[in-house]
Amino acid sequence: MVGLCDVQSKLKEEIVGDWVENNVFSVVGMVGIGKTTLAREIFEDLDTSEWFNCRAWVRVGNELKPEEITDVILAQVDPEMMVWSYNVHAYLKNAFPDNRNGSRVLLTTRIKYVAQDVSFSSRLIDMRLLDKEESWQLLCDKVFAGNSCPPHLEEAGKKIAEKCDGLPLTIVTVANLLSKAQETPASLWFDVAEKKKHQVFIDAYDQISKFLQRLDALNIRFYFFPLKVLELVKLRYLTLTCNGKLPPSISKLRDLQYLIVHRHMSIKSSKALSYLPTEIWDMSELKHLDVTGCDLPDLGNTSLRKLSTLSDVTTGSCVVLKRVPNIKNLGIRIELTPNATEPLSCFGHVSHLVKLESLKCVIVNPEAVPPVALFPCLPFLLHKLSLSGLGYSWSEMSNVASLPYLQVLKLRYNAFQGPKWEVEENGFRKLNFLQMEDIDLVKLKGARGSFKRLEILRIKHCYKLEELCLGDFQSVWNIEVVDCNPLVEMNIKETILLKRDDTPEDLRVHSSWKL
């Protein structure tokens, strides 16, 4: 692989080995950066093919149905398996690394939240751009088919490669145009090297834009929204960092499904932070909307029926949640004002979202939280809940503990507060991941049958915590304790020895304290 040899070598070392801390590896980056090439190199590597008993390569797109993915995998892993069998999904679940037997999943995606949510035991690899030397090596390799570059073209060639900004797709496209050019190579190369707007670059960008459906510019900081983006009318995925307002003309991107706009507070803008334009309601294909700290405008009876993810909105958007009836993932960011009388009234609107599976609610200035009485009812189908700074009493946790499908619970910065948390019998029956961070809890006690399926426990910066007793404790296999009372680790180990039928070899308890 030309360029990124260091990334390839390190990733292969982790995949081909006995270490099982990470069993899912997610390679993330913009279009054309080389994610698929990297994955293919590792997949077809001799060491990889000899290490694993079986391998499967699958391309997953928006149009591919889950049962079709199953067919593709089984055709490579076990062709004799009857794919219409009712047990096929259980078969695949067992084939994947839940049992920590050394199996691996290597995922490539342009969408970072997909990589972050795919597994608890995962490692995320952010693909970097090529440096100057790697860019030149790739251009050389593509133009001269692996042969060395003539000395008289080298200086101009390095300048051309540098102008491609480290993006492999641009380098390969420019190289293809250079190799097919009718002009004398020397005169053409010197001309291209000196002009950024040379016809070769214009043709290259034109070719790329014809199939460019995703643009990830989150690492580039704009003062204002770059209107040139609106010319890419086939875009389906757009991310960028911008402190200016979204223009009403954003609705020109009618095929857009993912829109992610973050703010960078070090950029000084003469205008106030933007609100979403009313034209956002015309973008009927939107599935994922994440615009930091912005409200959805109220616009009559218009709805976004395909929208399934709405992230980092303020409480002002809650009043229009009824117009996104199929929402599955919701993130709310609350900044309290001194005169706030009902700071958490947004929950009244959330409770009616019957299809909601994931909810994140963060109060960014929790020191201003007034006393809160009753915790609201939450949607029945909720699978994942992340709360920060709400300040509820632990006695209100019973509403959460009774959610029948809850699998992931993250509590940060006194989402609930008080010295003692007692979980009722059979509470959190399906929970398999629990994280507590910056909580003032002293004692957590789970009654019989509680936390029955808990597998992963993360405790961070809980300096007052002394005692932990999580029900039967039979299924926990991974515990991490970071910057807590050193007695917690001792208490956990004693609890495991007393409560469990046996202590499995793959149980891992990691603590930042050295006793």
Protein backbone atom coordinates (compact mmCIF):
# COMPACT_ATOMS: atom_id res chain seq x y z
CA MET A 1 0.00 0.00 0.00
CA VAL A 2 1.46 3.35 -1.08
CA GLY A 3 1.29 5.75 1.87
CA LEU A 4 -0.07 5.11 5.37
CA CYS A 5 2.20 2.07 5.81
CA ASP A 6 2.50 2.89 9.50
CA VAL A 7 -1.27 2.81 9.96
CA GLN A 8 -1.58 -0.46 8.06
CA SER A 9 1.22 -2.15 10.00
CA LYS A 10 -0.06 -1.11 13.44
CA LEU A 11 -3.66 -2.03 12.68
CA LYS A 12 -2.71 -5.44 11.33
CA GLU A 13 -0.66 -6.14 14.47
CA GLU A 14 -3.71 -5.49 16.63
CA ILE A 15 -6.08 -7.53 14.47
CA VAL A 16 -3.80 -10.54 14.08
CA GLY A 17 -2.96 -11.42 17.66
CA ASP A 18 -4.16 -12.91 20.91
CA TRP A 19 -5.09 -9.57 22.54
CA VAL A 20 -8.89 -9.39 22.77
CA GLU A 21 -9.50 -6.04 24.47
CA ASN A 22 -10.73 -4.63 21.14
CA ASN A 23 -12.68 -6.93 18.83
CA VAL A 24 -14.20 -4.32 16.53
CA PHE A 25 -11.91 -1.97 14.60
CA SER A 26 -13.57 1.02 12.92
CA VAL A 27 -11.69 2.98 10.26
CA VAL A 28 -13.21 6.44 9.84
CA GLY A 29 -12.50 9.15 7.28
CA MET A 30 -13.74 11.26 4.41
CA VAL A 31 -14.47 9.98 0.92
CA GLY A 32 -11.35 9.16 -1.07
CA ILE A 33 -8.98 9.01 1.89
CA GLY A 34 -8.19 5.32 1.45
CA LYS A 35 -10.34 3.50 4.02
CA THR A 36 -11.41 0.66 1.72
CA THR A 37 -7.91 0.26 0.29
CA LEU A 38 -6.50 -0.07 3.80
CA ALA A 39 -9.14 -2.61 4.81
CA ARG A 40 -8.66 -4.64 1.61
CA GLU A 41 -4.87 -4.76 2.10
CA ILE A 42 -5.31 -6.14 5.62
CA PHE A 43 -8.13 -8.51 4.60
CA GLU A 44 -6.06 -10.07 1.79
CA ASP A 45 -2.78 -10.12 3.72
CA LEU A 46 -1.22 -13.58 4.01
CA ASP A 47 -0.87 -13.30 7.81
CA THR A 48 -4.56 -12.45 8.09
CA SER A 49 -5.73 -15.33 5.91
CA GLU A 50 -3.61 -17.80 7.89
CA TRP A 51 -4.68 -16.47 11.30
CA PHE A 52 -8.47 -16.68 10.88
CA ASN A 53 -10.39 -19.84 10.10
CA CYS A 54 -12.83 -17.96 7.91
CA ARG A 55 -13.27 -14.44 6.59
CA ALA A 56 -16.04 -12.48 4.89
CA TRP A 57 -15.97 -9.20 2.94
CA VAL A 58 -19.25 -7.29 2.84
CA ARG A 59 -20.22 -3.95 1.28
CA VAL A 60 -23.08 -2.38 3.21
CA GLY A 61 -25.09 0.51 1.77
CA ASN A 62 -28.36 2.22 2.59
CA GLU A 63 -30.22 0.05 0.10
CA LEU A 64 -28.92 -3.29 1.36
CA LYS A 65 -31.39 -5.12 3.60
CA PRO A 66 -30.22 -6.98 6.74
CA GLU A 67 -31.22 -10.34 5.30
CA GLU A 68 -29.17 -9.61 2.18
CA ILE A 69 -26.13 -8.86 4.35
CA THR A 70 -26.74 -12.20 6.02
CA ASP A 71 -26.76 -13.94 2.63
CA VAL A 72 -23.45 -12.33 1.60
CA ILE A 73 -21.73 -13.30 4.86
CA LEU A 74 -23.00 -16.86 4.91
CA ALA A 75 -22.10 -17.40 1.26
CA GLN A 76 -18.47 -16.83 2.26
CA VAL A 77 -18.49 -18.36 5.76
CA ASP A 78 -20.88 -21.31 5.51
CA PRO A 79 -22.50 -21.73 2.05
CA GLU A 80 -24.53 -24.74 3.18
CA MET A 81 -26.37 -22.76 5.86
CA MET A 82 -30.02 -22.25 4.85
CA VAL A 83 -30.29 -18.48 4.91
CA TRP A 84 -34.03 -18.45 5.32
CA SER A 85 -33.75 -20.27 8.64
CA TYR A 86 -35.30 -18.58 11.65
CA ASN A 87 -32.07 -19.14 13.59
CA VAL A 88 -29.81 -17.41 11.07
CA HIS A 89 -29.45 -14.22 13.08
CA ALA A 90 -28.58 -16.18 16.21
CA TYR A 91 -26.02 -18.02 14.08
CA LEU A 92 -24.40 -14.76 13.03
CA LYS A 93 -24.46 -13.41 16.57
CA ASN A 94 -22.52 -16.45 17.73
CA ALA A 95 -20.10 -16.09 14.82
CA PHE A 96 -19.30 -12.53 15.84
CA PRO A 97 -17.08 -11.75 18.84
CA ASP A 98 -19.50 -11.76 21.79
CA ASN A 99 -17.73 -14.80 23.21
CA ARG A 100 -14.30 -13.14 23.02
CA ASN A 101 -12.69 -16.02 21.14
CA GLY A 102 -10.37 -13.94 18.98
CA SER A 103 -12.74 -13.12 16.13
CA ARG A 104 -12.57 -9.62 14.66
CA VAL A 105 -14.74 -7.12 12.77
CA LEU A 106 -13.02 -4.48 10.61
CA LEU A 107 -15.44 -1.70 9.68
CA THR A 108 -14.91 1.27 7.35
CA THR A 109 -17.28 4.23 7.43
CA ARG A 110 -17.42 7.94 6.72
CA ILE A 111 -19.88 8.40 9.59
CA LYS A 112 -18.14 8.71 12.94
CA TYR A 113 -21.15 8.04 15.16
CA VAL A 114 -21.63 4.68 13.41
CA ALA A 115 -18.10 3.72 14.41
CA GLN A 116 -18.60 4.94 17.98
CA ASP A 117 -21.86 3.07 18.53
CA VAL A 118 -21.06 -0.22 16.82
CA SER A 119 -19.62 -1.95 19.91
CA PHE A 120 -18.52 -1.38 23.49
CA SER A 121 -15.19 -3.18 22.87
CA SER A 122 -14.14 -1.23 19.81
CA ARG A 123 -11.16 0.78 18.62
CA LEU A 124 -11.61 3.79 16.38
CA ILE A 125 -8.97 4.67 13.78
CA ASP A 126 -9.19 8.17 12.28
CA MET A 127 -7.65 8.06 8.79
CA ARG A 128 -5.16 10.86 8.29
CA LEU A 129 -4.29 12.65 5.05
CA LEU A 130 -1.07 11.72 3.25
CA ASP A 131 2.02 13.78 4.00
CA LYS A 132 4.11 15.37 1.23
CA GLU A 133 6.37 12.35 0.72
CA GLU A 134 3.50 9.86 0.70
CA SER A 135 1.56 12.04 -1.74
CA TRP A 136 4.54 12.12 -4.09
CA GLN A 137 5.05 8.35 -3.83
CA LEU A 138 1.39 7.71 -4.72
CA LEU A 139 1.45 10.13 -7.69
CA CYS A 140 4.65 8.53 -8.97
CA ASP A 141 3.27 5.03 -8.59
CA LYS A 142 0.09 5.82 -10.52
CA VAL A 143 1.67 7.83 -13.35
CA PHE A 144 4.70 5.62 -13.96
CA ALA A 145 3.16 2.25 -13.00
CA GLY A 146 5.66 1.58 -10.24
CA ASN A 147 8.71 2.81 -12.14
CA SER A 148 10.81 5.75 -11.01
CA CYS A 149 10.04 9.29 -12.13
CA PRO A 150 12.41 10.89 -14.70
CA PRO A 151 14.69 13.31 -12.81
CA HIS A 152 13.65 16.35 -14.87
CA LEU A 153 9.98 15.92 -13.79
CA GLU A 154 10.61 15.30 -10.09
CA GLU A 155 10.54 18.90 -8.82
CA ALA A 156 7.33 19.75 -10.70
CA GLY A 157 5.80 16.41 -9.73
CA LYS A 158 6.32 17.02 -6.02
CA LYS A 159 4.61 20.42 -6.33
CA ILE A 160 1.64 18.82 -8.12
CA ALA A 161 1.34 16.15 -5.44
CA GLU A 162 1.42 18.78 -2.70
CA LYS A 163 -1.41 20.69 -4.36
CA CYS A 164 -3.64 17.61 -3.98
CA ASP A 165 -3.84 18.33 -0.22
CA GLY A 166 -3.01 14.79 0.86
CA LEU A 167 -6.26 13.23 -0.41
CA PRO A 168 -5.53 9.92 -2.20
CA LEU A 169 -8.59 10.15 -4.44
CA THR A 170 -7.49 13.56 -5.77
CA ILE A 171 -3.92 12.32 -6.30
CA VAL A 172 -5.06 9.25 -8.23
CA THR A 173 -7.47 11.28 -10.38
CA VAL A 174 -4.81 13.91 -11.20
CA ALA A 175 -2.29 11.14 -11.94
CA ASN A 176 -4.71 9.52 -14.37
CA LEU A 177 -5.22 12.82 -16.21
CA LEU A 178 -1.46 13.48 -16.39
CA SER A 179 -0.73 10.04 -17.82
CA LYS A 180 -3.35 10.48 -20.56
CA ALA A 181 -2.44 14.04 -21.52
CA GLN A 182 -1.42 14.65 -25.17
CA GLU A 183 0.98 17.48 -24.35
CA THR A 184 4.74 17.02 -23.88
CA PRO A 185 5.08 15.83 -20.23
CA ALA A 186 7.69 18.36 -19.19
CA SER A 187 5.82 21.47 -20.37
CA LEU A 188 2.51 20.18 -18.98
CA TRP A 189 3.94 19.22 -15.59
CA PHE A 190 5.68 22.56 -15.09
CA ASP A 191 2.47 24.36 -16.05
CA VAL A 192 0.29 22.28 -13.68
CA ALA A 193 2.80 22.71 -10.87
CA GLU A 194 2.60 26.50 -11.02
CA LYS A 195 -1.18 26.91 -11.38
CA LYS A 196 -3.63 25.70 -8.74
CA LYS A 197 -6.51 26.42 -11.14
CA HIS A 198 -4.94 24.57 -14.05
CA GLN A 199 -7.39 22.66 -16.24
CA VAL A 200 -6.00 19.35 -14.92
CA PHE A 201 -7.13 20.23 -11.38
CA ILE A 202 -10.45 21.59 -12.65
CA ASP A 203 -11.10 18.36 -14.57
CA ALA A 204 -10.03 16.27 -11.57
CA TYR A 205 -12.39 18.07 -9.17
CA ASP A 206 -15.17 17.85 -11.76
CA GLN A 207 -14.73 14.08 -12.04
CA ILE A 208 -14.71 13.68 -8.27
CA SER A 209 -17.79 15.85 -7.75
CA LYS A 210 -19.86 13.70 -10.15
CA PHE A 211 -19.81 10.85 -7.70
CA LEU A 212 -19.21 12.84 -4.52
CA GLN A 213 -22.18 12.08 -2.29
CA ARG A 214 -20.43 12.59 1.03
CA LEU A 215 -18.31 15.50 2.20
CA ASP A 216 -16.61 15.44 5.60
CA ALA A 217 -15.11 18.84 6.43
CA LEU A 218 -15.50 18.71 10.21
CA ASN A 219 -11.78 19.37 10.73
CA ILE A 220 -11.86 22.54 8.59
CA ARG A 221 -12.97 25.71 10.38
CA PHE A 222 -15.13 28.12 8.40
CA TYR A 223 -16.15 31.61 9.50
CA PHE A 224 -19.25 31.39 7.30
CA PHE A 225 -21.09 28.61 5.55
CA PRO A 226 -19.18 27.77 2.30
CA LEU A 227 -21.79 28.38 -0.42
CA LYS A 228 -19.73 26.39 -2.95
CA VAL A 229 -20.92 23.26 -1.15
CA LEU A 230 -24.43 23.90 -2.49
CA GLU A 231 -23.18 23.13 -6.00
CA LEU A 232 -22.74 19.50 -4.96
CA VAL A 233 -26.42 18.79 -5.47
CA LYS A 234 -25.99 15.01 -5.15
CA LEU A 235 -24.63 15.23 -1.60
CA ARG A 236 -26.16 12.81 0.86
CA TYR A 237 -23.75 13.36 3.75
CA LEU A 238 -22.31 16.72 4.84
CA THR A 239 -20.28 17.61 7.93
CA LEU A 240 -18.46 20.87 8.62
CA THR A 241 -17.41 23.27 11.38
CA CYS A 242 -18.90 26.72 10.93
CA ASN A 243 -19.93 29.58 13.20
CA GLY A 244 -22.09 31.33 10.62
CA LYS A 245 -25.75 30.82 9.87
CA LEU A 246 -26.98 28.02 7.67
CA PRO A 247 -28.34 29.69 4.52
CA PRO A 248 -31.95 29.13 3.42
CA SER A 249 -30.49 27.75 0.18
CA ILE A 250 -29.33 24.67 2.12
CA SER A 251 -32.62 23.18 0.92
CA LYS A 252 -31.07 22.92 -2.58
CA LEU A 253 -29.39 19.77 -1.31
CA ARG A 254 -32.61 17.80 -1.70
CA ASP A 255 -30.90 14.41 -1.52
CA LEU A 256 -29.11 15.23 1.74
CA GLN A 257 -29.66 12.61 4.44
CA TYR A 258 -26.98 13.52 7.02
CA LEU A 259 -26.30 17.12 8.05
CA ILE A 260 -23.78 17.72 10.86
CA VAL A 261 -22.65 21.28 11.67
CA HIS A 262 -20.46 21.91 14.71
CA ARG A 263 -19.34 25.24 16.18
CA HIS A 264 -15.79 26.25 16.96
CA MET A 265 -15.84 28.88 19.66
CA SER A 266 -12.31 30.13 18.89
CA ILE A 267 -13.65 31.52 15.62
CA LYS A 268 -14.91 35.03 16.21
CA SER A 269 -17.97 35.89 14.18
CA SER A 270 -19.65 39.26 13.93
CA LYS A 271 -23.04 37.60 14.00
CA ALA A 272 -24.90 35.62 16.63
CA LEU A 273 -24.99 31.84 16.57
CA SER A 274 -27.28 30.58 13.85
CA TYR A 275 -30.71 29.05 14.05
CA LEU A 276 -31.86 26.55 11.50
CA PRO A 277 -33.66 28.19 8.58
CA THR A 278 -37.32 27.31 8.07
CA GLU A 279 -36.32 25.75 4.73
CA ILE A 280 -34.90 22.84 6.72
CA TRP A 281 -38.45 21.45 6.73
CA ASP A 282 -38.29 21.15 2.92
CA MET A 283 -35.44 18.63 3.16
CA SER A 284 -37.65 15.58 3.25
CA GLU A 285 -34.78 13.05 2.85
CA LEU A 286 -33.05 14.08 6.08
CA LYS A 287 -32.35 11.14 8.39
CA HIS A 288 -29.69 12.61 10.70
CA LEU A 289 -29.57 16.25 11.86
CA ASP A 290 -26.90 17.53 14.25
CA VAL A 291 -26.40 21.30 14.39
CA THR A 292 -24.78 22.37 17.66
CA GLY A 293 -27.01 24.39 19.95
CA CYS A 294 -29.62 25.29 17.34
CA ASP A 295 -33.39 25.13 17.45
CA LEU A 296 -35.71 23.62 14.91
CA PRO A 297 -38.02 26.43 13.80
CA ASP A 298 -41.75 25.98 14.23
CA LEU A 299 -43.47 25.83 10.86
CA GLY A 300 -47.12 24.82 10.95
CA ASN A 301 -47.89 21.19 10.25
CA THR A 302 -44.79 20.37 8.19
CA SER A 303 -42.98 17.19 9.26
CA LEU A 304 -39.73 15.34 8.60
CA ARG A 305 -40.96 11.77 8.56
CA LYS A 306 -37.61 10.18 7.64
CA LEU A 307 -35.66 11.93 10.39
CA SER A 308 -34.44 9.30 12.85
CA THR A 309 -31.58 11.14 14.61
CA LEU A 310 -31.73 14.67 16.04
CA SER A 311 -28.66 15.65 18.05
CA ASP A 312 -27.46 18.56 20.18
CA VAL A 313 -30.61 20.65 19.91
CA THR A 314 -31.79 23.01 22.65
CA THR A 315 -34.98 22.80 24.65
CA GLY A 316 -36.59 25.16 22.16
CA SER A 317 -36.75 22.31 19.66
CA CYS A 318 -38.74 20.09 21.99
CA VAL A 319 -42.03 21.79 21.20
CA VAL A 320 -41.78 20.62 17.57
CA LEU A 321 -40.78 17.04 18.31
CA LYS A 322 -44.29 15.96 17.38
CA ARG A 323 -43.32 16.85 13.80
CA VAL A 324 -40.56 14.25 13.76
CA PRO A 325 -42.72 11.23 14.63
CA ASN A 326 -40.18 8.55 13.69
CA ILE A 327 -37.26 9.87 15.72
CA LYS A 328 -35.13 7.08 17.25
CA ASN A 329 -32.09 8.98 18.56
CA LEU A 330 -32.36 12.32 20.36
CA GLY A 331 -29.73 14.55 21.96
CA ILE A 332 -30.78 17.62 23.99
CA ARG A 333 -28.39 20.31 25.23
CA ILE A 334 -29.74 22.53 28.02
CA GLU A 335 -28.22 25.81 29.17
CA LEU A 336 -30.09 27.11 32.20
CA THR A 337 -30.96 30.74 32.75
CA PRO A 338 -31.25 32.35 36.22
CA ASN A 339 -35.03 32.72 35.90
CA ALA A 340 -35.74 29.19 34.62
CA THR A 341 -38.90 27.93 36.36
CA GLU A 342 -39.30 24.57 34.62
CA PRO A 343 -35.82 23.74 33.30
CA LEU A 344 -36.64 20.13 32.41
CA SER A 345 -40.08 20.62 30.91
CA CYS A 346 -38.71 19.24 27.63
CA PHE A 347 -39.14 15.73 29.02
CA GLY A 348 -42.88 16.18 28.72
CA HIS A 349 -42.48 16.22 24.94
CA VAL A 350 -39.94 13.38 24.89
CA SER A 351 -42.23 10.92 26.67
CA HIS A 352 -44.55 10.89 23.65
CA LEU A 353 -41.85 9.72 21.22
CA VAL A 354 -42.95 6.11 21.07
CA LYS A 355 -40.17 5.01 18.67
CA LEU A 356 -37.31 6.61 20.61
CA GLU A 357 -34.44 4.19 21.32
CA SER A 358 -31.59 6.48 22.40
CA LEU A 359 -31.77 9.65 24.52
CA LYS A 360 -28.96 11.96 25.63
CA CYS A 361 -29.71 14.97 27.82
CA VAL A 362 -26.95 17.27 29.07
CA ILE A 363 -27.17 20.39 31.24
CA VAL A 364 -24.06 22.38 30.33
CA ASN A 365 -24.16 24.59 33.46
CA PRO A 366 -25.33 22.13 36.15
CA GLU A 367 -24.30 24.41 39.00
CA ALA A 368 -27.42 26.44 38.16
CA VAL A 369 -29.80 23.47 38.55
CA PRO A 370 -32.66 24.26 40.95
CA PRO A 371 -34.14 21.49 43.15
CA VAL A 372 -35.95 18.98 40.93
CA ALA A 373 -38.84 16.87 42.16
CA LEU A 374 -40.11 13.98 40.03
CA PHE A 375 -38.28 12.20 37.24
CA PRO A 376 -40.50 11.96 34.14
CA CYS A 377 -41.73 8.87 32.37
CA LEU A 378 -39.50 7.82 29.48
CA PRO A 379 -40.39 6.12 26.19
CA PHE A 380 -41.03 2.42 26.59
CA LEU A 381 -38.62 1.26 23.83
CA LEU A 382 -35.57 3.16 25.11
CA HIS A 383 -32.35 1.14 24.66
CA LYS A 384 -29.73 3.75 25.51
CA LEU A 385 -29.86 6.60 28.04
CA SER A 386 -27.16 9.19 28.78
CA LEU A 387 -27.80 11.91 31.38
CA SER A 388 -25.58 14.68 32.77
CA GLY A 389 -26.10 17.42 35.34
CA LEU A 390 -29.83 16.91 36.01
CA GLY A 391 -29.51 16.69 39.79
CA TYR A 392 -32.32 14.21 40.51
CA SER A 393 -32.46 12.17 43.71
CA TRP A 394 -31.51 8.48 43.44
CA SER A 395 -35.01 7.62 44.64
CA GLU A 396 -36.26 8.77 41.22
CA MET A 397 -34.15 6.14 39.44
CA SER A 398 -36.93 3.53 39.69
CA ASN A 399 -38.53 4.90 36.50
CA VAL A 400 -35.30 4.17 34.65
CA ALA A 401 -34.69 0.78 36.28
CA SER A 402 -38.08 -0.49 35.07
CA LEU A 403 -37.46 0.26 31.37
CA PRO A 404 -37.75 -3.22 29.81
CA TYR A 405 -35.31 -2.76 26.90
CA LEU A 406 -32.63 -0.49 28.41
CA GLN A 407 -29.15 -1.83 27.61
CA VAL A 408 -26.85 1.17 28.05
CA LEU A 409 -26.91 3.70 30.92
CA LYS A 410 -24.41 6.56 31.23
CA LEU A 411 -24.62 8.92 34.24
CA ARG A 412 -22.32 11.95 34.38
CA TYR A 413 -21.80 14.96 36.63
CA ASN A 414 -24.49 14.33 39.21
CA ALA A 415 -27.18 13.32 36.79
CA PHE A 416 -28.54 11.84 40.02
CA GLN A 417 -27.16 12.82 43.41
CA GLY A 418 -27.03 11.68 47.00
CA PRO A 419 -24.91 9.22 49.01
CA LYS A 420 -26.93 6.04 48.48
CA TRP A 421 -28.48 4.35 45.43
CA GLU A 422 -30.63 1.30 46.12
CA VAL A 423 -31.85 -0.67 43.12
CA GLU A 424 -35.07 -2.61 43.59
CA GLU A 425 -35.42 -6.33 42.93
CA ASN A 426 -35.14 -7.25 39.23
CA GLY A 427 -34.20 -3.69 38.29
CA PHE A 428 -32.22 -3.08 35.08
CA ARG A 429 -32.87 -6.62 33.91
CA LYS A 430 -31.45 -6.11 30.39
CA LEU A 431 -28.75 -3.54 31.15
CA ASN A 432 -25.34 -4.68 29.89
CA PHE A 433 -23.34 -1.42 30.09
CA LEU A 434 -23.19 0.99 33.06
CA GLN A 435 -21.00 4.08 33.29
CA MET A 436 -20.84 6.48 36.24
CA GLU A 437 -18.65 9.57 36.04
CA ASP A 438 -18.28 12.50 38.45
CA ILE A 439 -21.07 11.19 40.70
CA ASP A 440 -21.17 11.94 44.45
CA LEU A 441 -22.41 8.44 45.27
CA VAL A 442 -21.02 6.64 48.35
CA LYS A 443 -22.86 3.31 48.20
CA LEU A 444 -24.60 1.41 45.40
CA LYS A 445 -26.63 -1.62 46.38
CA GLY A 446 -28.57 -3.82 43.97
CA ALA A 447 -31.29 -6.15 45.24
CA ARG A 448 -31.74 -9.72 44.08
CA GLY A 449 -32.09 -10.13 40.33
CA SER A 450 -30.91 -6.59 39.56
CA PHE A 451 -28.25 -5.93 36.91
CA LYS A 452 -28.76 -9.52 35.83
CA ARG A 453 -27.12 -9.08 32.39
CA LEU A 454 -24.54 -6.41 33.20
CA GLU A 455 -21.30 -7.11 31.31
CA ILE A 456 -19.31 -3.87 31.31
CA LEU A 457 -18.89 -1.43 34.22
CA ARG A 458 -17.10 1.92 33.97
CA ILE A 459 -16.55 4.10 37.07
CA LYS A 460 -14.66 7.38 36.64
CA HIS A 461 -13.92 10.25 39.05
CA CYS A 462 -16.33 8.99 41.72
CA TYR A 463 -14.17 10.05 44.65
CA LYS A 464 -16.72 9.34 47.39
CA LEU A 465 -17.68 5.85 46.25
CA GLU A 466 -16.80 3.19 48.82
CA GLU A 467 -19.13 0.22 48.37
CA LEU A 468 -20.53 -1.50 45.29
CA CYS A 469 -22.89 -4.47 45.32
CA LEU A 470 -24.56 -5.16 41.98
CA GLY A 471 -27.02 -7.97 42.48
CA ASP A 472 -25.77 -11.39 41.40
CA PHE A 473 -22.74 -10.03 39.52
CA GLN A 474 -22.70 -13.22 37.41
CA SER A 475 -22.30 -11.76 33.91
CA VAL A 476 -19.79 -8.91 34.43
CA TRP A 477 -16.52 -9.51 32.55
CA ASN A 478 -15.01 -6.03 32.13
CA ILE A 479 -14.63 -3.43 34.89
CA GLU A 480 -12.71 -0.16 34.67
CA VAL A 481 -12.11 2.14 37.65
CA VAL A 482 -10.47 5.52 36.95
CA ASP A 483 -9.54 8.10 39.63
CA CYS A 484 -11.85 6.80 42.37
CA ASN A 485 -11.52 5.84 46.01
CA PRO A 486 -8.89 3.03 46.02
CA LEU A 487 -11.17 0.96 48.24
CA VAL A 488 -13.58 0.51 45.34
CA GLU A 489 -11.37 -1.96 43.47
CA MET A 490 -10.90 -4.07 46.60
CA ASN A 491 -14.64 -4.01 47.24
CA ILE A 492 -15.40 -5.09 43.67
CA LYS A 493 -13.01 -8.04 43.79
CA GLU A 494 -14.36 -9.18 47.15
CA THR A 495 -17.92 -8.94 45.83
CA ILE A 496 -17.06 -11.03 42.77
CA LEU A 497 -15.46 -13.76 44.87
CA LEU A 498 -18.45 -13.90 47.19
CA LYS A 499 -21.27 -13.61 44.66
CA ARG A 500 -20.07 -15.49 41.59
CA ASP A 501 -20.14 -19.22 41.10
CA ASP A 502 -16.63 -18.89 39.67
CA THR A 503 -14.25 -16.16 38.53
CA PRO A 504 -13.73 -16.56 34.78
CA GLU A 505 -10.27 -16.23 33.27
CA ASP A 506 -11.36 -13.44 30.91
CA LEU A 507 -12.62 -11.18 33.72
CA ARG A 508 -10.67 -7.93 33.65
CA VAL A 509 -10.61 -5.35 36.47
CA HIS A 510 -8.53 -2.30 35.59
CA SER A 511 -7.86 0.48 38.05
CA SER A 512 -5.79 3.68 37.77
CA TRP A 513 -4.76 3.20 41.43
CA LYS A 514 -1.73 1.08 42.28
CA LEU A 515 -2.35 -0.48 45.66
